[in-house]
Amino acid sequence: RIRELENEVGCFFDRNPDGSLHQKAFAGQTADRT
């Protein structure tokens, strides 16, 4: 769904300098995946 949001729906999310999607920390999780 996140690829669909980007490529079909047209959402712009924050990115890292290398162009990958930026994912930040959220509580209660063992990876920065938000």
Full PDB file with SEQRES, HELIX, SHEET, SSBOND, CRYST1, ORIGX, SCALE, CONECT and MASTER records, all heavy atoms in Angstrom:
SEQRES   1 A   34  ARG ILE ARG GLU LEU GLU ASN GLU VAL GLY CYS PHE PHE          
SEQRES   2 A   34  ASP ARG ASN PRO ASP GLY SER LEU HIS GLN LYS ALA PHE          
SEQRES   3 A   34  ALA GLY GLN THR ALA ASP ARG THR                              
HELIX    1 AA1 ILE A    2  GLU A    4  1                                   3    
HELIX    2 AA2 LEU A    5  VAL A    9  3                                   5    
CRYST1    1.000    1.000    1.000  90.00  90.00  90.00 P 1           1          
ORIGX1      1.000000  0.000000  0.000000        0.00000                         
ORIGX2      0.000000  1.000000  0.000000        0.00000                         
ORIGX3      0.000000  0.000000  1.000000        0.00000                         
SCALE1      1.000000  0.000000  0.000000        0.00000                         
SCALE2      0.000000  1.000000  0.000000        0.00000                         
SCALE3      0.000000  0.000000  1.000000        0.00000                         
ATOM      1  N   ARG A   1       0.813  -1.214   0.000  1.00  0.00           N  
ATOM      2  CA  ARG A   1       0.000   0.000   0.000  1.00  0.00           C  
ATOM      3  C   ARG A   1       0.849   1.268   0.000  1.00  0.00           C  
ATOM      4  O   ARG A   1       0.474   2.268  -0.629  1.00  0.00           O  
ATOM      5  CB  ARG A   1      -0.935  -0.012   1.212  1.00  0.00           C  
ATOM      6  CG  ARG A   1      -2.110   0.928   1.100  1.00  0.00           C  
ATOM      7  CD  ARG A   1      -3.119   0.502   0.026  1.00  0.00           C  
ATOM      8  NE  ARG A   1      -3.997  -0.544   0.512  1.00  0.00           N  
ATOM      9  CZ  ARG A   1      -4.125  -1.730  -0.087  1.00  0.00           C  
ATOM     10  NH1 ARG A   1      -3.434  -2.013  -1.183  1.00  0.00           N  
ATOM     11  NH2 ARG A   1      -4.948  -2.636   0.392  1.00  0.00           N  
ATOM     12  N   ILE A   2       2.013   1.257   0.652  1.00  0.00           N  
ATOM     13  CA  ILE A   2       2.826   2.466   0.673  1.00  0.00           C  
ATOM     14  C   ILE A   2       3.346   2.778  -0.727  1.00  0.00           C  
ATOM     15  O   ILE A   2       3.445   3.943  -1.126  1.00  0.00           O  
ATOM     16  CB  ILE A   2       3.986   2.352   1.698  1.00  0.00           C  
ATOM     17  CG1 ILE A   2       4.492   3.745   2.099  1.00  0.00           C  
ATOM     18  CG2 ILE A   2       5.143   1.526   1.150  1.00  0.00           C  
ATOM     19  CD1 ILE A   2       3.553   4.505   2.982  1.00  0.00           C  
ATOM     20  N   ARG A   3       3.642   1.738  -1.509  1.00  0.00           N  
ATOM     21  CA  ARG A   3       4.072   1.959  -2.899  1.00  0.00           C  
ATOM     22  C   ARG A   3       2.905   2.468  -3.736  1.00  0.00           C  
ATOM     23  O   ARG A   3       3.074   3.312  -4.625  1.00  0.00           O  
ATOM     24  CB  ARG A   3       4.618   0.652  -3.486  1.00  0.00           C  
ATOM     25  CG  ARG A   3       5.830   0.095  -2.772  1.00  0.00           C  
ATOM     26  CD  ARG A   3       6.956   1.102  -2.638  1.00  0.00           C  
ATOM     27  NE  ARG A   3       8.176   0.514  -2.076  1.00  0.00           N  
ATOM     28  CZ  ARG A   3       9.180   1.222  -1.579  1.00  0.00           C  
ATOM     29  NH1 ARG A   3       9.130   2.538  -1.560  1.00  0.00           N  
ATOM     30  NH2 ARG A   3      10.245   0.604  -1.081  1.00  0.00           N  
ATOM     31  N   GLU A   4       1.726   1.958  -3.456  1.00  0.00           N  
ATOM     32  CA  GLU A   4       0.531   2.422  -4.160  1.00  0.00           C  
ATOM     33  C   GLU A   4       0.268   3.895  -3.827  1.00  0.00           C  
ATOM     34  O   GLU A   4      -0.074   4.696  -4.721  1.00  0.00           O  
ATOM     35  CB  GLU A   4      -0.657   1.551  -3.754  1.00  0.00           C  
ATOM     36  CG  GLU A   4      -1.935   1.846  -4.503  1.00  0.00           C  
ATOM     37  CD  GLU A   4      -3.070   0.917  -4.089  1.00  0.00           C  
ATOM     38  OE1 GLU A   4      -2.824  -0.041  -3.314  1.00  0.00           O  
ATOM     39  OE2 GLU A   4      -4.202   1.159  -4.534  1.00  0.00           O  
ATOM     40  N   LEU A   5       0.419   4.257  -2.557  1.00  0.00           N  
ATOM     41  CA  LEU A   5       0.224   5.647  -2.158  1.00  0.00           C  
ATOM     42  C   LEU A   5       1.195   6.564  -2.905  1.00  0.00           C  
ATOM     43  O   LEU A   5       0.810   7.655  -3.353  1.00  0.00           O  
ATOM     44  CB  LEU A   5       0.423   5.789  -0.650  1.00  0.00           C  
ATOM     45  CG  LEU A   5      -0.764   5.396   0.231  1.00  0.00           C  
ATOM     46  CD1 LEU A   5      -0.338   5.197   1.679  1.00  0.00           C  
ATOM     47  CD2 LEU A   5      -1.868   6.444   0.149  1.00  0.00           C  
ATOM     48  N   GLU A   6       2.422   6.126  -3.035  1.00  0.00           N  
ATOM     49  CA  GLU A   6       3.424   6.937  -3.735  1.00  0.00           C  
ATOM     50  C   GLU A   6       3.203   6.972  -5.241  1.00  0.00           C  
ATOM     51  O   GLU A   6       3.141   8.040  -5.855  1.00  0.00           O  
ATOM     52  CB  GLU A   6       4.816   6.355  -3.474  1.00  0.00           C  
ATOM     53  CG  GLU A   6       5.459   6.793  -2.193  1.00  0.00           C  
ATOM     54  CD  GLU A   6       6.959   6.574  -2.270  1.00  0.00           C  
ATOM     55  OE1 GLU A   6       7.398   5.420  -2.412  1.00  0.00           O  
ATOM     56  OE2 GLU A   6       7.682   7.585  -2.225  1.00  0.00           O  
ATOM     57  N   ASN A   7       3.099   5.808  -5.838  1.00  0.00           N  
ATOM     58  CA  ASN A   7       3.188   5.694  -7.294  1.00  0.00           C  
ATOM     59  C   ASN A   7       1.862   5.822  -8.022  1.00  0.00           C  
ATOM     60  O   ASN A   7       1.844   6.176  -9.212  1.00  0.00           O  
ATOM     61  CB  ASN A   7       3.840   4.355  -7.663  1.00  0.00           C  
ATOM     62  CG  ASN A   7       5.229   4.217  -7.074  1.00  0.00           C  
ATOM     63  OD1 ASN A   7       5.954   5.196  -6.950  1.00  0.00           O  
ATOM     64  ND2 ASN A   7       5.600   3.004  -6.683  1.00  0.00           N  
ATOM     65  N   GLU A   8       0.754   5.533  -7.344  1.00  0.00           N  
ATOM     66  CA  GLU A   8      -0.552   5.605  -7.998  1.00  0.00           C  
ATOM     67  C   GLU A   8      -1.410   6.743  -7.454  1.00  0.00           C  
ATOM     68  O   GLU A   8      -2.106   7.418  -8.208  1.00  0.00           O  
ATOM     69  CB  GLU A   8      -1.281   4.270  -7.846  1.00  0.00           C  
ATOM     70  CG  GLU A   8      -0.568   3.111  -8.543  1.00  0.00           C  
ATOM     71  CD  GLU A   8      -1.312   1.798  -8.394  1.00  0.00           C  
ATOM     72  OE1 GLU A   8      -2.559   1.816  -8.397  1.00  0.00           O  
ATOM     73  OE2 GLU A   8      -0.648   0.749  -8.264  1.00  0.00           O  
ATOM     74  N   VAL A   9      -1.383   6.923  -6.144  1.00  0.00           N  
ATOM     75  CA  VAL A   9      -2.189   7.982  -5.535  1.00  0.00           C  
ATOM     76  C   VAL A   9      -1.470   9.322  -5.630  1.00  0.00           C  
ATOM     77  O   VAL A   9      -2.106  10.373  -5.759  1.00  0.00           O  
ATOM     78  CB  VAL A   9      -2.534   7.622  -4.069  1.00  0.00           C  
ATOM     79  CG1 VAL A   9      -3.306   8.746  -3.397  1.00  0.00           C  
ATOM     80  CG2 VAL A   9      -3.348   6.319  -4.025  1.00  0.00           C  
ATOM     81  N   GLY A  10      -0.133   9.309  -5.568  1.00  0.00           N  
ATOM     82  CA  GLY A  10       0.629  10.530  -5.754  1.00  0.00           C  
ATOM     83  C   GLY A  10       1.096  11.209  -4.487  1.00  0.00           C  
ATOM     84  O   GLY A  10       1.356  12.420  -4.492  1.00  0.00           O  
ATOM     85  N   CYS A  11       1.239  10.453  -3.398  1.00  0.00           N  
ATOM     86  CA  CYS A  11       1.692  11.051  -2.140  1.00  0.00           C  
ATOM     87  C   CYS A  11       3.194  11.333  -2.173  1.00  0.00           C  
ATOM     88  O   CYS A  11       3.972  10.549  -2.710  1.00  0.00           O  
ATOM     89  CB  CYS A  11       1.395  10.110  -0.967  1.00  0.00           C  
ATOM     90  SG  CYS A  11      -0.359   9.919  -0.606  1.00  0.00           S  
ATOM     91  N   PHE A  12       3.570  12.446  -1.570  1.00  0.00           N  
ATOM     92  CA  PHE A  12       4.981  12.787  -1.393  1.00  0.00           C  
ATOM     93  C   PHE A  12       5.323  12.640   0.084  1.00  0.00           C  
ATOM     94  O   PHE A  12       4.775  13.350   0.928  1.00  0.00           O  
ATOM     95  CB  PHE A  12       5.255  14.232  -1.838  1.00  0.00           C  
ATOM     96  CG  PHE A  12       5.217  14.419  -3.327  1.00  0.00           C  
ATOM     97  CD1 PHE A  12       4.034  14.749  -3.967  1.00  0.00           C  
ATOM     98  CD2 PHE A  12       6.362  14.257  -4.082  1.00  0.00           C  
ATOM     99  CE1 PHE A  12       3.993  14.922  -5.340  1.00  0.00           C  
ATOM    100  CE2 PHE A  12       6.339  14.430  -5.459  1.00  0.00           C  
ATOM    101  CZ  PHE A  12       5.148  14.762  -6.094  1.00  0.00           C  
ATOM    102  N   PHE A  13       6.217  11.708   0.400  1.00  0.00           N  
ATOM    103  CA  PHE A  13       6.664  11.512   1.766  1.00  0.00           C  
ATOM    104  C   PHE A  13       8.107  12.006   1.899  1.00  0.00           C  
ATOM    105  O   PHE A  13       8.832  12.142   0.904  1.00  0.00           O  
ATOM    106  CB  PHE A  13       6.575  10.037   2.158  1.00  0.00           C  
ATOM    107  CG  PHE A  13       5.184   9.478   2.111  1.00  0.00           C  
ATOM    108  CD1 PHE A  13       4.836   8.484   1.203  1.00  0.00           C  
ATOM    109  CD2 PHE A  13       4.203   9.949   2.970  1.00  0.00           C  
ATOM    110  CE1 PHE A  13       3.554   7.961   1.160  1.00  0.00           C  
ATOM    111  CE2 PHE A  13       2.906   9.438   2.931  1.00  0.00           C  
ATOM    112  CZ  PHE A  13       2.585   8.438   2.024  1.00  0.00           C  
ATOM    113  N   ASP A  14       8.531  12.254   3.128  1.00  0.00           N  
ATOM    114  CA  ASP A  14       9.890  12.717   3.368  1.00  0.00           C  
ATOM    115  C   ASP A  14      10.896  11.633   2.989  1.00  0.00           C  
ATOM    116  O   ASP A  14      10.638  10.440   3.161  1.00  0.00           O  
ATOM    117  CB  ASP A  14      10.077  13.087   4.846  1.00  0.00           C  
ATOM    118  CG  ASP A  14       9.365  14.378   5.210  1.00  0.00           C  
ATOM    119  OD1 ASP A  14       8.670  14.945   4.338  1.00  0.00           O  
ATOM    120  OD2 ASP A  14       9.498  14.821   6.363  1.00  0.00           O  
ATOM    121  N   ARG A  15      12.073  12.080   2.500  1.00  0.00           N  
ATOM    122  CA  ARG A  15      13.079  11.142   2.013  1.00  0.00           C  
ATOM    123  C   ARG A  15      14.440  11.412   2.641  1.00  0.00           C  
ATOM    124  O   ARG A  15      14.737  12.515   3.115  1.00  0.00           O  
ATOM    125  CB  ARG A  15      13.187  11.220   0.484  1.00  0.00           C  
ATOM    126  CG  ARG A  15      11.936  10.738  -0.219  1.00  0.00           C  
ATOM    127  CD  ARG A  15      12.088  10.711  -1.725  1.00  0.00           C  
ATOM    128  NE  ARG A  15      10.888  10.154  -2.334  1.00  0.00           N  
ATOM    129  CZ  ARG A  15      10.662   8.855  -2.508  1.00  0.00           C  
ATOM    130  NH1 ARG A  15      11.566   7.974  -2.124  1.00  0.00           N  
ATOM    131  NH2 ARG A  15       9.552   8.429  -3.061  1.00  0.00           N  
ATOM    132  N   ASN A  16      15.256  10.386   2.619  1.00  0.00           N  
ATOM    133  CA  ASN A  16      16.650  10.506   3.018  1.00  0.00           C  
ATOM    134  C   ASN A  16      17.453  11.119   1.872  1.00  0.00           C  
ATOM    135  O   ASN A  16      16.988  11.171   0.727  1.00  0.00           O  
ATOM    136  CB  ASN A  16      17.211   9.125   3.367  1.00  0.00           C  
ATOM    137  CG  ASN A  16      16.510   8.517   4.563  1.00  0.00           C  
ATOM    138  OD1 ASN A  16      16.373   9.157   5.604  1.00  0.00           O  
ATOM    139  ND2 ASN A  16      16.048   7.274   4.419  1.00  0.00           N  
ATOM    140  N   PRO A  17      18.697  11.561   2.144  1.00  0.00           N  
ATOM    141  CA  PRO A  17      19.530  12.124   1.071  1.00  0.00           C  
ATOM    142  C   PRO A  17      19.729  11.185  -0.114  1.00  0.00           C  
ATOM    143  O   PRO A  17      19.912  11.643  -1.247  1.00  0.00           O  
ATOM    144  CB  PRO A  17      20.856  12.416   1.785  1.00  0.00           C  
ATOM    145  CG  PRO A  17      20.462  12.676   3.203  1.00  0.00           C  
ATOM    146  CD  PRO A  17      19.334  11.719   3.465  1.00  0.00           C  
ATOM    147  N   ASP A  18      19.685   9.851   0.124  1.00  0.00           N  
ATOM    148  CA  ASP A  18      19.882   8.908  -0.982  1.00  0.00           C  
ATOM    149  C   ASP A  18      18.603   8.641  -1.769  1.00  0.00           C  
ATOM    150  O   ASP A  18      18.596   7.828  -2.696  1.00  0.00           O  
ATOM    151  CB  ASP A  18      20.477   7.594  -0.465  1.00  0.00           C  
ATOM    152  CG  ASP A  18      19.520   6.835   0.456  1.00  0.00           C  
ATOM    153  OD1 ASP A  18      18.394   7.322   0.705  1.00  0.00           O  
ATOM    154  OD2 ASP A  18      19.913   5.748   0.931  1.00  0.00           O  
ATOM    155  N   GLY A  19      17.499   9.313  -1.392  1.00  0.00           N  
ATOM    156  CA  GLY A  19      16.241   9.156  -2.120  1.00  0.00           C  
ATOM    157  C   GLY A  19      15.291   8.146  -1.530  1.00  0.00           C  
ATOM    158  O   GLY A  19      14.132   8.078  -1.938  1.00  0.00           O  
ATOM    159  N   SER A  20      15.753   7.340  -0.591  1.00  0.00           N  
ATOM    160  CA  SER A  20      14.863   6.359   0.048  1.00  0.00           C  
ATOM    161  C   SER A  20      13.917   7.062   1.007  1.00  0.00           C  
ATOM    162  O   SER A  20      14.174   8.189   1.465  1.00  0.00           O  
ATOM    163  CB  SER A  20      15.685   5.313   0.802  1.00  0.00           C  
ATOM    164  OG  SER A  20      16.461   5.922   1.818  1.00  0.00           O  
ATOM    165  N   LEU A  21      12.811   6.392   1.326  1.00  0.00           N  
ATOM    166  CA  LEU A  21      11.838   6.976   2.241  1.00  0.00           C  
ATOM    167  C   LEU A  21      12.431   7.088   3.648  1.00  0.00           C  
ATOM    168  O   LEU A  21      13.025   6.137   4.160  1.00  0.00           O  
ATOM    169  CB  LEU A  21      10.576   6.110   2.286  1.00  0.00           C  
ATOM    170  CG  LEU A  21       9.670   6.186   1.062  1.00  0.00           C  
ATOM    171  CD1 LEU A  21       8.564   5.151   1.150  1.00  0.00           C  
ATOM    172  CD2 LEU A  21       9.063   7.570   0.928  1.00  0.00           C  
ATOM    173  N   HIS A  22      12.250   8.245   4.253  1.00  0.00           N  
ATOM    174  CA  HIS A  22      12.702   8.419   5.627  1.00  0.00           C  
ATOM    175  C   HIS A  22      11.711   7.754   6.573  1.00  0.00           C  
ATOM    176  O   HIS A  22      10.507   7.863   6.394  1.00  0.00           O  
ATOM    177  CB  HIS A  22      12.810   9.909   5.984  1.00  0.00           C  
ATOM    178  CG  HIS A  22      13.323  10.149   7.372  1.00  0.00           C  
ATOM    179  ND1 HIS A  22      12.489  10.394   8.433  1.00  0.00           N  
ATOM    180  CD2 HIS A  22      14.587  10.155   7.867  1.00  0.00           C  
ATOM    181  CE1 HIS A  22      13.216  10.558   9.535  1.00  0.00           C  
ATOM    182  NE2 HIS A  22      14.483  10.415   9.211  1.00  0.00           N  
ATOM    183  N   GLN A  23      12.225   7.053   7.559  1.00  0.00           N  
ATOM    184  CA  GLN A  23      11.380   6.373   8.543  1.00  0.00           C  
ATOM    185  C   GLN A  23      11.856   6.750   9.936  1.00  0.00           C  
ATOM    186  O   GLN A  23      13.024   6.569  10.272  1.00  0.00           O  
ATOM    187  CB  GLN A  23      11.434   4.856   8.337  1.00  0.00           C  
ATOM    188  CG  GLN A  23      10.807   4.435   7.008  1.00  0.00           C  
ATOM    189  CD  GLN A  23      10.897   2.941   6.782  1.00  0.00           C  
ATOM    190  OE1 GLN A  23      11.907   2.447   6.304  1.00  0.00           O  
ATOM    191  NE2 GLN A  23       9.831   2.228   7.111  1.00  0.00           N  
ATOM    192  N   LYS A  24      10.926   7.262  10.731  1.00  0.00           N  
ATOM    193  CA  LYS A  24      11.305   7.766  12.040  1.00  0.00           C  
ATOM    194  C   LYS A  24      10.892   6.800  13.149  1.00  0.00           C  
ATOM    195  O   LYS A  24      10.174   5.826  12.925  1.00  0.00           O  
ATOM    196  CB  LYS A  24      10.703   9.144  12.288  1.00  0.00           C  
ATOM    197  CG  LYS A  24       9.182   9.211  12.275  1.00  0.00           C  
ATOM    198  CD  LYS A  24       8.733  10.661  12.441  1.00  0.00           C  
ATOM    199  CE  LYS A  24       7.219  10.787  12.324  1.00  0.00           C  
ATOM    200  NZ  LYS A  24       6.772  12.189  12.453  1.00  0.00           N  
ATOM    201  N   ALA A  25      11.354   7.089  14.356  1.00  0.00           N  
ATOM    202  CA  ALA A  25      11.102   6.238  15.513  1.00  0.00           C  
ATOM    203  C   ALA A  25       9.718   6.513  16.084  1.00  0.00           C  
ATOM    204  O   ALA A  25       9.303   7.664  16.203  1.00  0.00           O  
ATOM    205  CB  ALA A  25      12.160   6.501  16.582  1.00  0.00           C  
ATOM    206  N   PHE A  26       9.039   5.436  16.427  1.00  0.00           N  
ATOM    207  CA  PHE A  26       7.783   5.538  17.168  1.00  0.00           C  
ATOM    208  C   PHE A  26       7.865   4.606  18.367  1.00  0.00           C  
ATOM    209  O   PHE A  26       8.511   3.553  18.309  1.00  0.00           O  
ATOM    210  CB  PHE A  26       6.593   5.154  16.275  1.00  0.00           C  
ATOM    211  CG  PHE A  26       5.783   6.327  15.809  1.00  0.00           C  
ATOM    212  CD1 PHE A  26       6.345   7.576  15.634  1.00  0.00           C  
ATOM    213  CD2 PHE A  26       4.430   6.188  15.533  1.00  0.00           C  
ATOM    214  CE1 PHE A  26       5.603   8.660  15.193  1.00  0.00           C  
ATOM    215  CE2 PHE A  26       3.670   7.253  15.094  1.00  0.00           C  
ATOM    216  CZ  PHE A  26       4.252   8.500  14.922  1.00  0.00           C  
ATOM    217  N   ALA A  27       7.176   4.980  19.429  1.00  0.00           N  
ATOM    218  CA  ALA A  27       7.270   4.243  20.684  1.00  0.00           C  
ATOM    219  C   ALA A  27       6.755   2.817  20.545  1.00  0.00           C  
ATOM    220  O   ALA A  27       5.851   2.527  19.752  1.00  0.00           O  
ATOM    221  CB  ALA A  27       6.483   4.970  21.777  1.00  0.00           C  
ATOM    222  N   GLY A  28       7.365   1.911  21.333  1.00  0.00           N  
ATOM    223  CA  GLY A  28       6.888   0.537  21.409  1.00  0.00           C  
ATOM    224  C   GLY A  28       7.285  -0.333  20.239  1.00  0.00           C  
ATOM    225  O   GLY A  28       6.754  -1.441  20.096  1.00  0.00           O  
ATOM    226  N   GLN A  29       8.225   0.126  19.392  1.00  0.00           N  
ATOM    227  CA  GLN A  29       8.588  -0.649  18.216  1.00  0.00           C  
ATOM    228  C   GLN A  29      10.097  -0.903  18.189  1.00  0.00           C  
ATOM    229  O   GLN A  29      10.875  -0.104  18.699  1.00  0.00           O  
ATOM    230  CB  GLN A  29       8.144   0.078  16.948  1.00  0.00           C  
ATOM    231  CG  GLN A  29       6.633   0.361  16.970  1.00  0.00           C  
ATOM    232  CD  GLN A  29       6.104   0.821  15.653  1.00  0.00           C  
ATOM    233  OE1 GLN A  29       6.171   0.118  14.656  1.00  0.00           O  
ATOM    234  NE2 GLN A  29       5.548   2.026  15.627  1.00  0.00           N  
ATOM    235  N   THR A  30      10.479  -2.007  17.587  1.00  0.00           N  
ATOM    236  CA  THR A  30      11.883  -2.422  17.591  1.00  0.00           C  
ATOM    237  C   THR A  30      12.615  -2.024  16.317  1.00  0.00           C  
ATOM    238  O   THR A  30      13.708  -2.515  16.049  1.00  0.00           O  
ATOM    239  CB  THR A  30      11.995  -3.944  17.801  1.00  0.00           C  
ATOM    240  OG1 THR A  30      11.383  -4.614  16.683  1.00  0.00           O  
ATOM    241  CG2 THR A  30      11.315  -4.381  19.090  1.00  0.00           C  
ATOM    242  N   ALA A  31      12.006  -1.143  15.531  1.00  0.00           N  
ATOM    243  CA  ALA A  31      12.660  -0.602  14.335  1.00  0.00           C  
ATOM    244  C   ALA A  31      12.069   0.766  14.046  1.00  0.00           C  
ATOM    245  O   ALA A  31      10.912   1.044  14.387  1.00  0.00           O  
ATOM    246  CB  ALA A  31      12.467  -1.525  13.136  1.00  0.00           C  
ATOM    247  N   ASP A  32      12.855   1.623  13.424  1.00  0.00           N  
ATOM    248  CA  ASP A  32      12.357   2.918  12.976  1.00  0.00           C  
ATOM    249  C   ASP A  32      11.693   2.697  11.619  1.00  0.00           C  
ATOM    250  O   ASP A  32      12.363   2.591  10.592  1.00  0.00           O  
ATOM    251  CB  ASP A  32      13.509   3.926  12.855  1.00  0.00           C  
ATOM    252  CG  ASP A  32      14.157   4.241  14.196  1.00  0.00           C  
ATOM    253  OD1 ASP A  32      13.582   3.857  15.229  1.00  0.00           O  
ATOM    254  OD2 ASP A  32      15.236   4.858  14.194  1.00  0.00           O  
ATOM    255  N   ARG A  33      10.357   2.604  11.625  1.00  0.00           N  
ATOM    256  CA  ARG A  33       9.659   2.197  10.399  1.00  0.00           C  
ATOM    257  C   ARG A  33       8.521   3.132  10.006  1.00  0.00           C  
ATOM    258  O   ARG A  33       7.730   2.802   9.100  1.00  0.00           O  
ATOM    259  CB  ARG A  33       9.097   0.780  10.567  1.00  0.00           C  
ATOM    260  CG  ARG A  33       8.032   0.610  11.666  1.00  0.00           C  
ATOM    261  CD  ARG A  33       7.320  -0.739  11.547  1.00  0.00           C  
ATOM    262  NE  ARG A  33       8.218  -1.840  11.735  1.00  0.00           N  
ATOM    263  CZ  ARG A  33       8.406  -2.482  12.913  1.00  0.00           C  
ATOM    264  NH1 ARG A  33       7.746  -2.110  13.978  1.00  0.00           N  
ATOM    265  NH2 ARG A  33       9.249  -3.484  13.000  1.00  0.00           N  
ATOM    266  N   THR A  34       8.433   4.315  10.600  1.00  0.00           N  
ATOM    267  CA  THR A  34       7.281   5.165  10.351  1.00  0.00           C  
ATOM    268  C   THR A  34       7.547   6.168   9.237  1.00  0.00           C  
ATOM    269  O   THR A  34       8.260   7.152   9.417  1.00  0.00           O  
ATOM    270  CB  THR A  34       6.862   5.886  11.647  1.00  0.00           C  
ATOM    271  OG1 THR A  34       6.718   4.921  12.693  1.00  0.00           O  
ATOM    272  CG2 THR A  34       5.553   6.615  11.450  1.00  0.00           C  
TER     273      THR A  34                                                      
MASTER        0    0    0    2    0    0    0    6  272    1    0    3          
END                                                                             
